[in-house]
């Protein structure tokens, strides 16, 4: 279940795991059908070495638990990627905004 919560300038998505009687069946499907070894290697041939989905090098990064974003700024500058960083505490975001304004 996913709900949206608007808290001023931020929009938060609240995720809640719901139980499913078919949960183990889905896990078996992933392990025995979708992501069998030969299937993973096939995905890698399609999307490039080390990748099993679209994206690739130099695209977008989602950093969950980014803190004050040191690694994010590094990736953005060094590798020219678009980074979205999220953290549970708004205090981290305030420090980043204040430090950027001071520069």
Protein backbone atom coordinates (compact mmCIF):
# COMPACT_ATOMS: atom_id res chain seq x y z
CA UNK A 1 0.00 0.00 0.00
CA UNK A 2 1.35 3.45 -0.90
CA UNK A 3 0.00 6.73 0.46
CA UNK A 4 1.11 10.27 -0.24
CA UNK A 5 1.63 12.77 2.58
CA UNK A 6 2.13 16.45 1.80
CA UNK A 7 4.28 18.20 4.44
CA UNK A 8 4.85 21.70 3.16
CA UNK A 9 7.55 21.89 0.51
CA UNK A 10 8.10 18.13 0.62
CA UNK A 11 5.99 15.26 -0.61
CA UNK A 12 6.56 11.99 1.17
CA UNK A 13 5.49 8.57 0.03
CA UNK A 14 4.53 6.29 2.87
CA UNK A 15 5.12 2.63 2.04
CA UNK A 16 3.51 -0.11 4.04
CA UNK A 17 4.05 -3.79 3.40
CA UNK A 18 0.83 -5.72 3.19
CA UNK A 19 0.73 -9.43 3.73
CA UNK A 20 0.13 -11.68 0.79
CA UNK A 21 -0.71 -15.34 0.76
CA UNK A 22 1.09 -15.61 -2.59
CA UNK A 23 4.31 -13.97 -1.37
CA UNK A 24 6.31 -17.22 -1.36
CA UNK A 25 4.97 -18.13 -4.77
CA UNK A 26 6.24 -14.84 -6.16
CA UNK A 27 9.66 -15.38 -4.59
CA UNK A 28 9.80 -18.86 -6.16
CA UNK A 29 8.85 -17.33 -9.52
CA UNK A 30 11.70 -14.81 -9.24
CA UNK A 31 14.27 -17.43 -8.21
CA UNK A 32 13.18 -20.23 -10.56
CA UNK A 33 11.91 -18.37 -13.63
CA UNK A 34 12.68 -14.65 -13.89
CA UNK A 35 16.17 -14.69 -12.41
CA UNK A 36 17.60 -18.12 -13.11
CA UNK A 37 21.32 -17.96 -13.88
CA UNK A 38 20.83 -18.18 -17.64
CA UNK A 39 18.13 -15.48 -17.49
CA UNK A 40 20.43 -13.11 -15.61
CA UNK A 41 23.19 -13.66 -18.17
CA UNK A 42 20.69 -13.00 -20.97
CA UNK A 43 19.67 -9.69 -19.36
CA UNK A 44 23.34 -8.78 -19.08
CA UNK A 45 23.85 -9.41 -22.81
CA UNK A 46 20.91 -7.10 -23.56
CA UNK A 47 21.68 -4.24 -21.13
CA UNK A 48 25.48 -4.40 -20.88
CA UNK A 49 28.06 -5.97 -18.61
CA UNK A 50 27.00 -5.78 -14.96
CA UNK A 51 23.44 -4.59 -15.70
CA UNK A 52 20.15 -6.50 -15.62
CA UNK A 53 17.87 -3.58 -16.48
CA UNK A 54 17.82 -0.32 -18.36
CA UNK A 55 19.87 2.58 -17.06
CA UNK A 56 23.53 2.05 -17.57
CA UNK A 57 26.46 4.25 -16.73
CA UNK A 58 25.97 8.00 -16.47
CA UNK A 59 22.25 8.14 -15.98
CA UNK A 60 20.33 8.59 -12.71
CA UNK A 61 20.99 7.61 -9.11
CA UNK A 62 18.52 7.31 -6.23
CA UNK A 63 20.36 7.45 -2.90
CA UNK A 64 18.14 6.27 -0.07
CA UNK A 65 19.61 7.43 3.25
CA UNK A 66 21.85 10.03 1.61
CA UNK A 67 22.86 11.90 4.76
CA UNK A 68 24.34 15.25 3.72
CA UNK A 69 25.06 13.97 0.23
CA UNK A 70 28.85 13.83 0.03
CA UNK A 71 28.84 10.80 -2.25
CA UNK A 72 25.97 12.24 -4.26
CA UNK A 73 27.79 15.48 -5.00
CA UNK A 74 30.90 13.50 -5.92
CA UNK A 75 28.98 11.25 -8.35
CA UNK A 76 27.20 14.24 -9.85
CA UNK A 77 30.39 16.19 -10.49
CA UNK A 78 32.72 13.31 -11.44
CA UNK A 79 30.34 11.18 -13.50
CA UNK A 80 27.76 13.75 -14.66
CA UNK A 81 24.79 11.83 -13.24
CA UNK A 82 21.49 13.20 -11.97
CA UNK A 83 21.19 12.26 -8.29
CA UNK A 84 18.10 12.27 -6.10
CA UNK A 85 18.95 11.84 -2.44
CA UNK A 86 16.38 11.14 0.24
CA UNK A 87 16.74 10.76 3.98
CA UNK A 88 14.32 10.20 6.83
CA UNK A 89 15.51 13.25 8.78
CA UNK A 90 14.83 16.71 7.41
CA UNK A 91 17.84 17.98 9.38
CA UNK A 92 20.19 16.53 6.77
CA UNK A 93 18.45 18.42 3.98
CA UNK A 94 18.56 21.67 5.93
CA UNK A 95 22.32 21.38 6.38
CA UNK A 96 22.80 20.74 2.66
CA UNK A 97 20.66 23.73 1.70
CA UNK A 98 22.44 26.00 4.19
CA UNK A 99 25.89 24.92 3.02
CA UNK A 100 24.96 25.47 -0.64
CA UNK A 101 23.59 28.95 0.16
CA UNK A 102 26.81 29.86 1.97
CA UNK A 103 28.95 29.09 -1.10
